[in-house]
Amino acid sequence: MNKRQSILAFSTVFALALPGLAAAESPTNEPSQVAQSTSATTRADVRKELTAFRDAGVSSDGLYRWVGGEILWEPIAHQYSVRSGKLQHVDYAPLDNAPRAQDDRRDERLARELYFPA
């Protein structure tokens, strides 16, 4: 056997063995387990949030408006005016669906419980 034939033989054996190696699910041949989580949020609650979002059409931070089509999102242009010699927002008003401090505290508490259990 010359060098070319030995390389071809090795490549053929490797190519035939590769699908068998890929079919193994885990080192112990047990199927992998996906963690199941439960949530207090129901499917109806999620659909209600989605409907409210579609009706509002504004991102939660209030910076983008949903347009759809090829554009998808467009930035909301702010309007300014000069009042008493100062440039001020005319259209600025906090959104009802903007993140709140209590949401941040709740997220921090959940993260502590998840990543640093007592």
PDB file of N, CA and C in Angstrom:
ATOM      1  N   MET A   1       0.836  -1.177   0.000  1.00  0.00           N
ATOM      2  CA  MET A   1       0.000   0.000   0.000  1.00  0.00           C
ATOM      3  C   MET A   1       0.881   1.242   0.000  1.00  0.00           C
ATOM      4  N   ASN A   2       0.598   2.101  -0.896  1.00  0.00           N
ATOM      5  CA  ASN A   2       1.381   3.333  -0.905  1.00  0.00           C
ATOM      6  C   ASN A   2       0.713   4.390  -0.029  1.00  0.00           C
ATOM      7  N   LYS A   3       1.300   5.527   0.028  1.00  0.00           N
ATOM      8  CA  LYS A   3       0.852   6.601   0.924  1.00  0.00           C
ATOM      9  C   LYS A   3      -0.557   7.068   0.572  1.00  0.00           C
ATOM     10  N   ARG A   4      -0.863   7.221  -0.704  1.00  0.00           N
ATOM     11  CA  ARG A   4      -2.168   7.700  -1.139  1.00  0.00           C
ATOM     12  C   ARG A   4      -3.269   6.705  -0.742  1.00  0.00           C
ATOM     13  N   GLN A   5      -3.012   5.418  -0.916  1.00  0.00           N
ATOM     14  CA  GLN A   5      -4.014   4.412  -0.582  1.00  0.00           C
ATOM     15  C   GLN A   5      -4.253   4.351   0.930  1.00  0.00           C
ATOM     16  N   SER A   6      -3.220   4.517   1.717  1.00  0.00           N
ATOM     17  CA  SER A   6      -3.407   4.480   3.169  1.00  0.00           C
ATOM     18  C   SER A   6      -4.206   5.690   3.653  1.00  0.00           C
ATOM     19  N   ILE A   7      -3.970   6.851   3.064  1.00  0.00           N
ATOM     20  CA  ILE A   7      -4.755   8.037   3.427  1.00  0.00           C
ATOM     21  C   ILE A   7      -6.204   7.848   3.023  1.00  0.00           C
ATOM     22  N   LEU A   8      -6.450   7.305   1.842  1.00  0.00           N
ATOM     23  CA  LEU A   8      -7.806   7.048   1.366  1.00  0.00           C
ATOM     24  C   LEU A   8      -8.519   6.034   2.261  1.00  0.00           C
ATOM     25  N   ALA A   9      -7.816   4.984   2.671  1.00  0.00           N
ATOM     26  CA  ALA A   9      -8.414   3.970   3.545  1.00  0.00           C
ATOM     27  C   ALA A   9      -8.770   4.578   4.903  1.00  0.00           C
ATOM     28  N   PHE A  10      -7.873   5.368   5.476  1.00  0.00           N
ATOM     29  CA  PHE A  10      -8.143   6.010   6.761  1.00  0.00           C
ATOM     30  C   PHE A  10      -9.332   6.962   6.658  1.00  0.00           C
ATOM     31  N   SER A  11      -9.386   7.742   5.595  1.00  0.00           N
ATOM     32  CA  SER A  11     -10.496   8.685   5.398  1.00  0.00           C
ATOM     33  C   SER A  11     -11.814   7.957   5.249  1.00  0.00           C
ATOM     34  N   THR A  12     -11.831   6.846   4.548  1.00  0.00           N
ATOM     35  CA  THR A  12     -13.065   6.075   4.354  1.00  0.00           C
ATOM     36  C   THR A  12     -13.552   5.509   5.680  1.00  0.00           C
ATOM     37  N   VAL A  13     -12.656   4.930   6.459  1.00  0.00           N
ATOM     38  CA  VAL A  13     -13.044   4.370   7.761  1.00  0.00           C
ATOM     39  C   VAL A  13     -13.567   5.477   8.669  1.00  0.00           C
ATOM     40  N   PHE A  14     -12.903   6.619   8.690  1.00  0.00           N
ATOM     41  CA  PHE A  14     -13.337   7.738   9.525  1.00  0.00           C
ATOM     42  C   PHE A  14     -14.699   8.255   9.077  1.00  0.00           C
ATOM     43  N   ALA A  15     -14.924   8.360   7.754  1.00  0.00           N
ATOM     44  CA  ALA A  15     -16.195   8.853   7.242  1.00  0.00           C
ATOM     45  C   ALA A  15     -17.329   7.896   7.574  1.00  0.00           C
ATOM     46  N   LEU A  16     -17.059   6.609   7.586  1.00  0.00           N
ATOM     47  CA  LEU A  16     -18.105   5.638   7.926  1.00  0.00           C
ATOM     48  C   LEU A  16     -18.373   5.600   9.431  1.00  0.00           C
ATOM     49  N   ALA A  17     -17.383   5.903  10.255  1.00  0.00           N
ATOM     50  CA  ALA A  17     -17.557   5.868  11.704  1.00  0.00           C
ATOM     51  C   ALA A  17     -18.156   7.158  12.252  1.00  0.00           C
ATOM     52  N   LEU A  18     -18.047   8.256  11.517  1.00  0.00           N
ATOM     53  CA  LEU A  18     -18.501   9.555  12.002  1.00  0.00           C
ATOM     54  C   LEU A  18     -19.992   9.605  12.320  1.00  0.00           C
ATOM     55  N   PRO A  19     -20.893   9.086  11.475  1.00  0.00           N
ATOM     56  CA  PRO A  19     -22.318   9.118  11.845  1.00  0.00           C
ATOM     57  C   PRO A  19     -22.620   8.350  13.126  1.00  0.00           C
ATOM     58  N   GLY A  20     -21.911   7.285  13.381  1.00  0.00           N
ATOM     59  CA  GLY A  20     -22.120   6.543  14.622  1.00  0.00           C
ATOM     60  C   GLY A  20     -21.709   7.339  15.836  1.00  0.00           C
ATOM     61  N   LEU A  21     -20.648   8.122  15.707  1.00  0.00           N
ATOM     62  CA  LEU A  21     -20.226   8.971  16.818  1.00  0.00           C
ATOM     63  C   LEU A  21     -21.205  10.109  17.050  1.00  0.00           C
ATOM     64  N   ALA A  22     -21.760  10.645  15.981  1.00  0.00           N
ATOM     65  CA  ALA A  22     -22.699  11.760  16.106  1.00  0.00           C
ATOM     66  C   ALA A  22     -24.035  11.323  16.679  1.00  0.00           C
ATOM     67  N   ALA A  23     -24.390  10.036  16.513  1.00  0.00           N
ATOM     68  CA  ALA A  23     -25.684   9.543  16.980  1.00  0.00           C
ATOM     69  C   ALA A  23     -25.709   9.354  18.488  1.00  0.00           C
ATOM     70  N   ALA A  24     -24.561   9.253  19.131  1.00  0.00           N
ATOM     71  CA  ALA A  24     -24.523   9.071  20.584  1.00  0.00           C
ATOM     72  C   ALA A  24     -25.063  10.334  21.250  1.00  0.00           C
ATOM     73  N   GLU A  25     -26.042  10.158  22.144  1.00  0.00           N
ATOM     74  CA  GLU A  25     -26.674  11.320  22.772  1.00  0.00           C
ATOM     75  C   GLU A  25     -25.849  11.888  23.914  1.00  0.00           C
ATOM     76  N   SER A  26     -25.213  11.031  24.666  1.00  0.00           N
ATOM     77  CA  SER A  26     -24.403  11.492  25.783  1.00  0.00           C
ATOM     78  C   SER A  26     -23.349  10.429  26.064  1.00  0.00           C
ATOM     79  N   PRO A  27     -22.366  10.755  26.876  1.00  0.00           N
ATOM     80  CA  PRO A  27     -21.352   9.741  27.186  1.00  0.00           C
ATOM     81  C   PRO A  27     -21.931   8.505  27.863  1.00  0.00           C
ATOM     82  N   THR A  28     -23.051   8.651  28.569  1.00  0.00           N
ATOM     83  CA  THR A  28     -23.651   7.505  29.251  1.00  0.00           C
ATOM     84  C   THR A  28     -24.770   6.885  28.433  1.00  0.00           C
ATOM     85  N   ASN A  29     -24.981   7.371  27.214  1.00  0.00           N
ATOM     86  CA  ASN A  29     -26.045   6.899  26.319  1.00  0.00           C
ATOM     87  C   ASN A  29     -27.442   7.076  26.905  1.00  0.00           C
ATOM     88  N   GLU A  30     -27.601   8.054  27.780  1.00  0.00           N
ATOM     89  CA  GLU A  30     -28.919   8.394  28.291  1.00  0.00           C
ATOM     90  C   GLU A  30     -29.399   9.641  27.570  1.00  0.00           C
ATOM     91  N   PRO A  31     -30.665   9.723  27.241  1.00  0.00           N
ATOM     92  CA  PRO A  31     -31.150  10.936  26.568  1.00  0.00           C
ATOM     93  C   PRO A  31     -30.998  12.147  27.486  1.00  0.00           C
ATOM     94  N   SER A  32     -30.689  13.284  26.882  1.00  0.00           N
ATOM     95  CA  SER A  32     -30.496  14.484  27.676  1.00  0.00           C
ATOM     96  C   SER A  32     -31.826  14.946  28.258  1.00  0.00           C
ATOM     97  N   GLN A  33     -31.758  15.506  29.445  1.00  0.00           N
ATOM     98  CA  GLN A  33     -32.941  15.987  30.134  1.00  0.00           C
ATOM     99  C   GLN A  33     -33.016  17.502  30.008  1.00  0.00           C
ATOM    100  N   VAL A  34     -34.157  18.020  29.621  1.00  0.00           N
ATOM    101  CA  VAL A  34     -34.369  19.459  29.554  1.00  0.00           C
ATOM    102  C   VAL A  34     -35.136  19.853  30.801  1.00  0.00           C
ATOM    103  N   ALA A  35     -34.617  20.846  31.497  1.00  0.00           N
ATOM    104  CA  ALA A  35     -35.254  21.281  32.734  1.00  0.00           C
ATOM    105  C   ALA A  35     -36.615  21.903  32.431  1.00  0.00           C
ATOM    106  N   GLN A  36     -37.627  21.460  33.134  1.00  0.00           N
ATOM    107  CA  GLN A  36     -38.965  22.004  32.987  1.00  0.00           C
ATOM    108  C   GLN A  36     -39.168  23.050  34.070  1.00  0.00           C
ATOM    109  N   SER A  37     -39.625  24.212  33.677  1.00  0.00           N
ATOM    110  CA  SER A  37     -39.873  25.257  34.659  1.00  0.00           C
ATOM    111  C   SER A  37     -41.356  25.605  34.662  1.00  0.00           C
ATOM    112  N   THR A  38     -41.801  26.058  35.790  1.00  0.00           N
ATOM    113  CA  THR A  38     -43.190  26.488  35.904  1.00  0.00           C
ATOM    114  C   THR A  38     -43.197  27.997  36.091  1.00  0.00           C
ATOM    115  N   SER A  39     -44.289  28.598  35.693  1.00  0.00           N
ATOM    116  CA  SER A  39     -44.399  30.043  35.795  1.00  0.00           C
ATOM    117  C   SER A  39     -45.775  30.397  36.323  1.00  0.00           C
ATOM    118  N   ALA A  40     -45.837  31.484  37.046  1.00  0.00           N
ATOM    119  CA  ALA A  40     -47.122  31.963  37.550  1.00  0.00           C
ATOM    120  C   ALA A  40     -47.900  32.679  36.455  1.00  0.00           C
ATOM    121  N   THR A  41     -47.220  33.049  35.362  1.00  0.00           N
ATOM    122  CA  THR A  41     -47.868  33.742  34.255  1.00  0.00           C
ATOM    123  C   THR A  41     -48.568  32.725  33.368  1.00  0.00           C
ATOM    124  N   THR A  42     -49.844  32.948  33.138  1.00  0.00           N
ATOM    125  CA  THR A  42     -50.602  32.024  32.298  1.00  0.00           C
ATOM    126  C   THR A  42     -50.512  32.441  30.836  1.00  0.00           C
ATOM    127  N   ARG A  43     -50.924  31.543  29.987  1.00  0.00           N
ATOM    128  CA  ARG A  43     -50.923  31.835  28.552  1.00  0.00           C
ATOM    129  C   ARG A  43     -51.867  33.002  28.244  1.00  0.00           C
ATOM    130  N   ALA A  44     -52.977  33.080  28.950  1.00  0.00           N
ATOM    131  CA  ALA A  44     -53.925  34.179  28.738  1.00  0.00           C
ATOM    132  C   ALA A  44     -53.285  35.527  29.109  1.00  0.00           C
ATOM    133  N   ASP A  45     -52.486  35.543  30.188  1.00  0.00           N
ATOM    134  CA  ASP A  45     -51.796  36.777  30.579  1.00  0.00           C
ATOM    135  C   ASP A  45     -50.814  37.216  29.505  1.00  0.00           C
ATOM    136  N   VAL A  46     -50.084  36.259  28.950  1.00  0.00           N
ATOM    137  CA  VAL A  46     -49.108  36.588  27.909  1.00  0.00           C
ATOM    138  C   VAL A  46     -49.813  37.122  26.667  1.00  0.00           C
ATOM    139  N   ARG A  47     -50.916  36.486  26.307  1.00  0.00           N
ATOM    140  CA  ARG A  47     -51.665  36.966  25.132  1.00  0.00           C
ATOM    141  C   ARG A  47     -52.236  38.358  25.371  1.00  0.00           C
ATOM    142  N   LYS A  48     -52.659  38.629  26.614  1.00  0.00           N
ATOM    143  CA  LYS A  48     -53.184  39.951  26.943  1.00  0.00           C
ATOM    144  C   LYS A  48     -52.080  41.006  26.819  1.00  0.00           C
ATOM    145  N   GLU A  49     -50.865  40.671  27.294  1.00  0.00           N
ATOM    146  CA  GLU A  49     -49.734  41.591  27.153  1.00  0.00           C
ATOM    147  C   GLU A  49     -49.404  41.828  25.689  1.00  0.00           C
ATOM    148  N   LEU A  50     -49.440  40.768  24.885  1.00  0.00           N
ATOM    149  CA  LEU A  50     -49.145  40.905  23.461  1.00  0.00           C
ATOM    150  C   LEU A  50     -50.176  41.786  22.773  1.00  0.00           C
ATOM    151  N   THR A  51     -51.439  41.618  23.111  1.00  0.00           N
ATOM    152  CA  THR A  51     -52.490  42.454  22.528  1.00  0.00           C
ATOM    153  C   THR A  51     -52.302  43.911  22.932  1.00  0.00           C
ATOM    154  N   ALA A  52     -51.957  44.144  24.188  1.00  0.00           N
ATOM    155  CA  ALA A  52     -51.721  45.526  24.645  1.00  0.00           C
ATOM    156  C   ALA A  52     -50.532  46.140  23.921  1.00  0.00           C
ATOM    157  N   PHE A  53     -49.482  45.340  23.699  1.00  0.00           N
ATOM    158  CA  PHE A  53     -48.319  45.835  22.972  1.00  0.00           C
ATOM    159  C   PHE A  53     -48.689  46.183  21.537  1.00  0.00           C
ATOM    160  N   ARG A  54     -49.437  45.294  20.894  1.00  0.00           N
ATOM    161  CA  ARG A  54     -49.818  45.557  19.501  1.00  0.00           C
ATOM    162  C   ARG A  54     -50.712  46.777  19.392  1.00  0.00           C
ATOM    163  N   ASP A  55     -51.570  46.992  20.389  1.00  0.00           N
ATOM    164  CA  ASP A  55     -52.423  48.180  20.364  1.00  0.00           C
ATOM    165  C   ASP A  55     -51.606  49.450  20.570  1.00  0.00           C
ATOM    166  N   ALA A  56     -50.635  49.393  21.499  1.00  0.00           N
ATOM    167  CA  ALA A  56     -49.806  50.574  21.770  1.00  0.00           C
ATOM    168  C   ALA A  56     -48.807  50.793  20.640  1.00  0.00           C
ATOM    169  N   GLY A  57     -48.138  49.728  20.207  1.00  0.00           N
ATOM    170  CA  GLY A  57     -47.174  49.824  19.120  1.00  0.00           C
ATOM    171  C   GLY A  57     -45.914  50.581  19.465  1.00  0.00           C
ATOM    172  N   VAL A  58     -45.608  50.696  20.770  1.00  0.00           N
ATOM    173  CA  VAL A  58     -44.425  51.430  21.204  1.00  0.00           C
ATOM    174  C   VAL A  58     -43.592  50.488  22.074  1.00  0.00           C
ATOM    175  N   SER A  59     -42.260  50.558  21.926  1.00  0.00           N
ATOM    176  CA  SER A  59     -41.392  49.713  22.739  1.00  0.00           C
ATOM    177  C   SER A  59     -41.507  50.097  24.207  1.00  0.00           C
ATOM    178  N   SER A  60     -41.089  49.198  25.089  1.00  0.00           N
ATOM    179  CA  SER A  60     -41.263  49.441  26.519  1.00  0.00           C
ATOM    180  C   SER A  60     -40.458  50.634  27.012  1.00  0.00           C
ATOM    181  N   ASP A  61     -39.347  50.953  26.339  1.00  0.00           N
ATOM    182  CA  ASP A  61     -38.579  52.127  26.758  1.00  0.00           C
ATOM    183  C   ASP A  61     -39.071  53.407  26.101  1.00  0.00           C
ATOM    184  N   GLY A  62     -40.014  53.309  25.165  1.00  0.00           N
ATOM    185  CA  GLY A  62     -40.603  54.477  24.537  1.00  0.00           C
ATOM    186  C   GLY A  62     -39.761  55.111  23.454  1.00  0.00           C
ATOM    187  N   LEU A  63     -38.710  54.425  22.999  1.00  0.00           N
ATOM    188  CA  LEU A  63     -37.818  55.014  22.004  1.00  0.00           C
ATOM    189  C   LEU A  63     -38.167  54.620  20.570  1.00  0.00           C
ATOM    190  N   TYR A  64     -38.952  53.547  20.392  1.00  0.00           N
ATOM    191  CA  TYR A  64     -39.248  53.058  19.048  1.00  0.00           C
ATOM    192  C   TYR A  64     -40.736  52.797  18.885  1.00  0.00           C
ATOM    193  N   ARG A  65     -41.216  52.970  17.663  1.00  0.00           N
ATOM    194  CA  ARG A  65     -42.604  52.722  17.304  1.00  0.00           C
ATOM    195  C   ARG A  65     -42.632  51.576  16.300  1.00  0.00           C
ATOM    196  N   TRP A  66     -43.569  50.636  16.480  1.00  0.00           N
ATOM    197  CA  TRP A  66     -43.714  49.508  15.562  1.00  0.00           C
ATOM    198  C   TRP A  66     -44.403  49.980  14.289  1.00  0.00           C
ATOM    199  N   VAL A  67     -43.744  49.773  13.147  1.00  0.00           N
ATOM    200  CA  VAL A  67     -44.293  50.179  11.869  1.00  0.00           C
ATOM    201  C   VAL A  67     -44.692  48.959  11.060  1.00  0.00           C
ATOM    202  N   GLY A  68     -43.884  47.898  11.150  1.00  0.00           N
ATOM    203  CA  GLY A  68     -44.129  46.691  10.380  1.00  0.00           C
ATOM    204  C   GLY A  68     -43.512  46.799   8.998  1.00  0.00           C
ATOM    205  N   GLY A  69     -43.830  45.853   8.142  1.00  0.00           N
ATOM    206  CA  GLY A  69     -43.280  45.858   6.790  1.00  0.00           C
ATOM    207  C   GLY A  69     -41.777  45.669   6.802  1.00  0.00           C
ATOM    208  N   GLU A  70     -41.085  46.339   5.906  1.00  0.00           N
ATOM    209  CA  GLU A  70     -39.631  46.208   5.844  1.00  0.00           C
ATOM    210  C   GLU A  70     -38.928  47.035   6.916  1.00  0.00           C
ATOM    211  N   ILE A  71     -39.574  48.071   7.404  1.00  0.00           N
ATOM    212  CA  ILE A  71     -38.945  48.952   8.390  1.00  0.00           C
ATOM    213  C   ILE A  71     -38.964  48.319   9.782  1.00  0.00           C
ATOM    214  N   LEU A  72     -40.050  47.664  10.148  1.00  0.00           N
ATOM    215  CA  LEU A  72     -40.291  47.047  11.446  1.00  0.00           C
ATOM    216  C   LEU A  72     -40.354  48.086  12.556  1.00  0.00           C
ATOM    217  N   TRP A  73     -39.240  48.625  12.999  1.00  0.00           N
ATOM    218  CA  TRP A  73     -39.227  49.613  14.070  1.00  0.00           C
ATOM    219  C   TRP A  73     -38.658  50.915  13.537  1.00  0.00           C
ATOM    220  N   GLU A  74     -39.239  52.030  13.966  1.00  0.00           N
ATOM    221  CA  GLU A  74     -38.659  53.326  13.618  1.00  0.00           C
ATOM    222  C   GLU A  74     -38.474  54.118  14.905  1.00  0.00           C
ATOM    223  N   PRO A  75     -37.397  54.875  14.991  1.00  0.00           N
ATOM    224  CA  PRO A  75     -37.189  55.670  16.204  1.00  0.00           C
ATOM    225  C   PRO A  75     -38.231  56.779  16.305  1.00  0.00           C
ATOM    226  N   ILE A  76     -38.667  57.029  17.503  1.00  0.00           N
ATOM    227  CA  ILE A  76     -39.626  58.108  17.738  1.00  0.00           C
ATOM    228  C   ILE A  76     -38.838  59.404  17.829  1.00  0.00           C
ATOM    229  N   ALA A  77     -39.151  60.325  16.951  1.00  0.00           N
ATOM    230  CA  ALA A  77     -38.448  61.613  16.941  1.00  0.00           C
ATOM    231  C   ALA A  77     -38.964  62.477  18.085  1.00  0.00           C
ATOM    232  N   HIS A  78     -38.053  63.058  18.814  1.00  0.00           N
ATOM    233  CA  HIS A  78     -38.438  63.950  19.905  1.00  0.00           C
ATOM    234  C   HIS A  78     -38.598  65.361  19.369  1.00  0.00           C
ATOM    235  N   GLN A  79     -39.504  66.090  19.976  1.00  0.00           N
ATOM    236  CA  GLN A  79     -39.711  67.471  19.585  1.00  0.00           C
ATOM    237  C   GLN A  79     -39.162  68.368  20.695  1.00  0.00           C
ATOM    238  N   TYR A  80     -38.489  69.399  20.286  1.00  0.00           N
ATOM    239  CA  TYR A  80     -37.875  70.326  21.222  1.00  0.00           C
ATOM    240  C   TYR A  80     -38.397  71.736  20.957  1.00  0.00           C
ATOM    241  N   SER A  81     -38.381  72.549  21.995  1.00  0.00           N
ATOM    242  CA  SER A  81     -38.684  73.968  21.811  1.00  0.00           C
ATOM    243  C   SER A  81     -37.829  74.761  22.797  1.00  0.00           C
ATOM    244  N   VAL A  82     -37.630  76.012  22.477  1.00  0.00           N
ATOM    245  CA  VAL A  82     -36.847  76.882  23.349  1.00  0.00           C
ATOM    246  C   VAL A  82     -37.815  77.604  24.267  1.00  0.00           C
ATOM    247  N   ARG A  83     -37.682  77.365  25.566  1.00  0.00           N
ATOM    248  CA  ARG A  83     -38.531  78.001  26.563  1.00  0.00           C
ATOM    249  C   ARG A  83     -37.630  78.682  27.585  1.00  0.00           C
ATOM    250  N   SER A  84     -37.832  79.923  27.754  1.00  0.00           N
ATOM    251  CA  SER A  84     -37.032  80.731  28.684  1.00  0.00           C
ATOM    252  C   SER A  84     -35.542  80.603  28.386  1.00  0.00           C
ATOM    253  N   GLY A  85     -35.226  80.525  27.118  1.00  0.00           N
ATOM    254  CA  GLY A  85     -33.826  80.450  26.714  1.00  0.00           C
ATOM    255  C   GLY A  85     -33.206  79.077  26.860  1.00  0.00           C
ATOM    256  N   LYS A  86     -34.017  78.073  27.184  1.00  0.00           N
ATOM    257  CA  LYS A  86     -33.500  76.714  27.347  1.00  0.00           C
ATOM    258  C   LYS A  86     -34.204  75.779  26.368  1.00  0.00           C
ATOM    259  N   LEU A  87     -33.435  74.829  25.841  1.00  0.00           N
ATOM    260  CA  LEU A  87     -33.985  73.830  24.939  1.00  0.00           C
ATOM    261  C   LEU A  87     -34.606  72.722  25.786  1.00  0.00           C
ATOM    262  N   GLN A  88     -35.928  72.481  25.609  1.00  0.00           N
ATOM    263  CA  GLN A  88     -36.625  71.495  26.424  1.00  0.00           C
ATOM    264  C   GLN A  88     -37.442  70.570  25.543  1.00  0.00           C
ATOM    265  N   HIS A  89     -37.657  69.348  26.062  1.00  0.00           N
ATOM    266  CA  HIS A  89     -38.545  68.410  25.382  1.00  0.00           C
ATOM    267  C   HIS A  89     -39.970  68.941  25.420  1.00  0.00           C
ATOM    268  N   VAL A  90     -40.667  68.837  24.311  1.00  0.00           N
ATOM    269  CA  VAL A  90     -42.068  69.224  24.278  1.00  0.00           C
ATOM    270  C   VAL A  90     -42.941  68.010  24.526  1.00  0.00           C
ATOM    271  N   ASP A  91     -42.559  66.872  23.941  1.00  0.00           N
ATOM    272  CA  ASP A  91     -43.408  65.689  23.963  1.00  0.00           C
ATOM    273  C   ASP A  91     -43.003  64.683  25.025  1.00  0.00           C
ATOM    274  N   TYR A  92     -42.119  65.045  25.941  1.00  0.00           N
ATOM    275  CA  TYR A  92     -41.645  64.064  26.904  1.00  0.00           C
ATOM    276  C   TYR A  92     -42.693  63.831  27.979  1.00  0.00           C
ATOM    277  N   ALA A  93     -43.059  62.567  28.143  1.00  0.00           N
ATOM    278  CA  ALA A  93     -43.924  62.133  29.241  1.00  0.00           C
ATOM    279  C   ALA A  93     -43.560  60.688  29.532  1.00  0.00           C
ATOM    280  N   PRO A  94     -43.354  60.332  30.777  1.00  0.00           N
ATOM    281  CA  PRO A  94     -43.021  58.936  31.076  1.00  0.00           C
ATOM    282  C   PRO A  94     -44.132  58.005  30.609  1.00  0.00           C
ATOM    283  N   LEU A  95     -43.749  56.905  30.020  1.00  0.00           N
ATOM    284  CA  LEU A  95     -44.731  55.941  29.526  1.00  0.00           C
ATOM    285  C   LEU A  95     -45.245  55.079  30.672  1.00  0.00           C
ATOM    286  N   ASP A  96     -46.475  54.601  30.516  1.00  0.00           N
ATOM    287  CA  ASP A  96     -47.041  53.726  31.538  1.00  0.00           C
ATOM    288  C   ASP A  96     -46.327  52.386  31.585  1.00  0.00           C
ATOM    289  N   ASN A  97     -45.812  51.929  30.421  1.00  0.00           N
ATOM    290  CA  ASN A  97     -45.198  50.611  30.390  1.00  0.00           C
ATOM    291  C   ASN A  97     -43.676  50.672  30.504  1.00  0.00           C
ATOM    292  N   ALA A  98     -43.130  51.811  30.934  1.00  0.00           N
ATOM    293  CA  ALA A  98     -41.687  51.922  31.122  1.00  0.00           C
ATOM    294  C   ALA A  98     -41.278  51.134  32.368  1.00  0.00           C
ATOM    295  N   PRO A  99     -40.040  50.631  32.417  1.00  0.00           N
ATOM    296  CA  PRO A  99     -39.596  49.884  33.600  1.00  0.00           C
ATOM    297  C   PRO A  99     -39.649  50.757  34.856  1.00  0.00           C
ATOM    298  N   ARG A 100     -39.999  50.143  35.947  1.00  0.00           N
ATOM    299  CA  ARG A 100     -40.136  50.873  37.211  1.00  0.00           C
ATOM    300  C   ARG A 100     -39.129  50.341  38.224  1.00  0.00           C
ATOM    301  N   ALA A 101     -38.920  51.106  39.275  1.00  0.00           N
ATOM    302  CA  ALA A 101     -37.952  50.720  40.310  1.00  0.00           C
ATOM    303  C   ALA A 101     -38.374  49.425  40.992  1.00  0.00           C
ATOM    304  N   GLN A 102     -39.679  49.242  41.228  1.00  0.00           N
ATOM    305  CA  GLN A 102     -40.110  48.013  41.901  1.00  0.00           C
ATOM    306  C   GLN A 102     -39.869  46.783  41.022  1.00  0.00           C
ATOM    307  N   ASP A 103     -39.935  46.942  39.681  1.00  0.00           N
ATOM    308  CA  ASP A 103     -39.617  45.838  38.793  1.00  0.00           C
ATOM    309  C   ASP A 103     -38.147  45.476  38.911  1.00  0.00           C
ATOM    310  N   ASP A 104     -37.280  46.490  39.031  1.00  0.00           N
ATOM    311  CA  ASP A 104     -35.850  46.234  39.181  1.00  0.00           C
ATOM    312  C   ASP A 104     -35.559  45.494  40.478  1.00  0.00           C
ATOM    313  N   ARG A 105     -36.207  45.928  41.569  1.00  0.00           N
ATOM    314  CA  ARG A 105     -36.001  45.255  42.850  1.00  0.00           C
ATOM    315  C   ARG A 105     -36.488  43.816  42.793  1.00  0.00           C
ATOM    316  N   ARG A 106     -37.613  43.583  42.137  1.00  0.00           N
ATOM    317  CA  ARG A 106     -38.141  42.228  42.003  1.00  0.00           C
ATOM    318  C   ARG A 106     -37.182  41.363  41.181  1.00  0.00           C
ATOM    319  N   ASP A 107     -36.646  41.919  40.085  1.00  0.00           N
ATOM    320  CA  ASP A 107     -35.703  41.172  39.259  1.00  0.00           C
ATOM    321  C   ASP A 107     -34.432  40.849  40.034  1.00  0.00           C
ATOM    322  N   GLU A 108     -33.940  41.802  40.841  1.00  0.00           N
ATOM    323  CA  GLU A 108     -32.762  41.544  41.654  1.00  0.00           C
ATOM    324  C   GLU A 108     -33.022  40.436  42.666  1.00  0.00           C
ATOM    325  N   ARG A 109     -34.199  40.449  43.289  1.00  0.00           N
ATOM    326  CA  ARG A 109     -34.552  39.412  44.264  1.00  0.00           C
ATOM    327  C   ARG A 109     -34.619  38.049  43.592  1.00  0.00           C
ATOM    328  N   LEU A 110     -35.246  37.977  42.412  1.00  0.00           N
ATOM    329  CA  LEU A 110     -35.335  36.709  41.702  1.00  0.00           C
ATOM    330  C   LEU A 110     -33.962  36.207  41.282  1.00  0.00           C
ATOM    331  N   ALA A 111     -33.083  37.106  40.859  1.00  0.00           N
ATOM    332  CA  ALA A 111     -31.734  36.706  40.470  1.00  0.00           C
ATOM    333  C   ALA A 111     -30.966  36.173  41.672  1.00  0.00           C
ATOM    334  N   ARG A 112     -31.112  36.834  42.840  1.00  0.00           N
ATOM    335  CA  ARG A 112     -30.433  36.335  44.041  1.00  0.00           C
ATOM    336  C   ARG A 112     -30.940  34.946  44.400  1.00  0.00           C
ATOM    337  N   GLU A 113     -32.258  34.731  44.335  1.00  0.00           N
ATOM    338  CA  GLU A 113     -32.811  33.414  44.667  1.00  0.00           C
ATOM    339  C   GLU A 113     -32.342  32.355  43.678  1.00  0.00           C
ATOM    340  N   LEU A 114     -32.212  32.716  42.415  1.00  0.00           N
ATOM    341  CA  LEU A 114     -31.831  31.749  41.392  1.00  0.00           C
ATOM    342  C   LEU A 114     -30.354  31.403  41.445  1.00  0.00           C
ATOM    343  N   TYR A 115     -29.496  32.427  41.532  1.00  0.00           N
ATOM    344  CA  TYR A 115     -28.063  32.192  41.423  1.00  0.00           C
ATOM    345  C   TYR A 115     -27.338  32.051  42.763  1.00  0.00           C
ATOM    346  N   PHE A 116     -27.925  32.568  43.844  1.00  0.00           N
ATOM    347  CA  PHE A 116     -27.295  32.475  45.151  1.00  0.00           C
ATOM    348  C   PHE A 116     -28.282  31.955  46.169  1.00  0.00           C
ATOM    349  N   PRO A 117     -28.702  30.700  46.039  1.00  0.00           N
ATOM    350  CA  PRO A 117     -29.695  30.181  46.999  1.00  0.00           C
ATOM    351  C   PRO A 117     -29.099  30.097  48.397  1.00  0.00           C
ATOM    352  N   ALA A 118     -29.951  30.278  49.377  1.00  0.00           N
ATOM    353  CA  ALA A 118     -29.486  30.282  50.780  1.00  0.00           C
ATOM    354  C   ALA A 118     -29.187  28.879  51.264  1.00  0.00           C
TER     355      ALA A 118
END
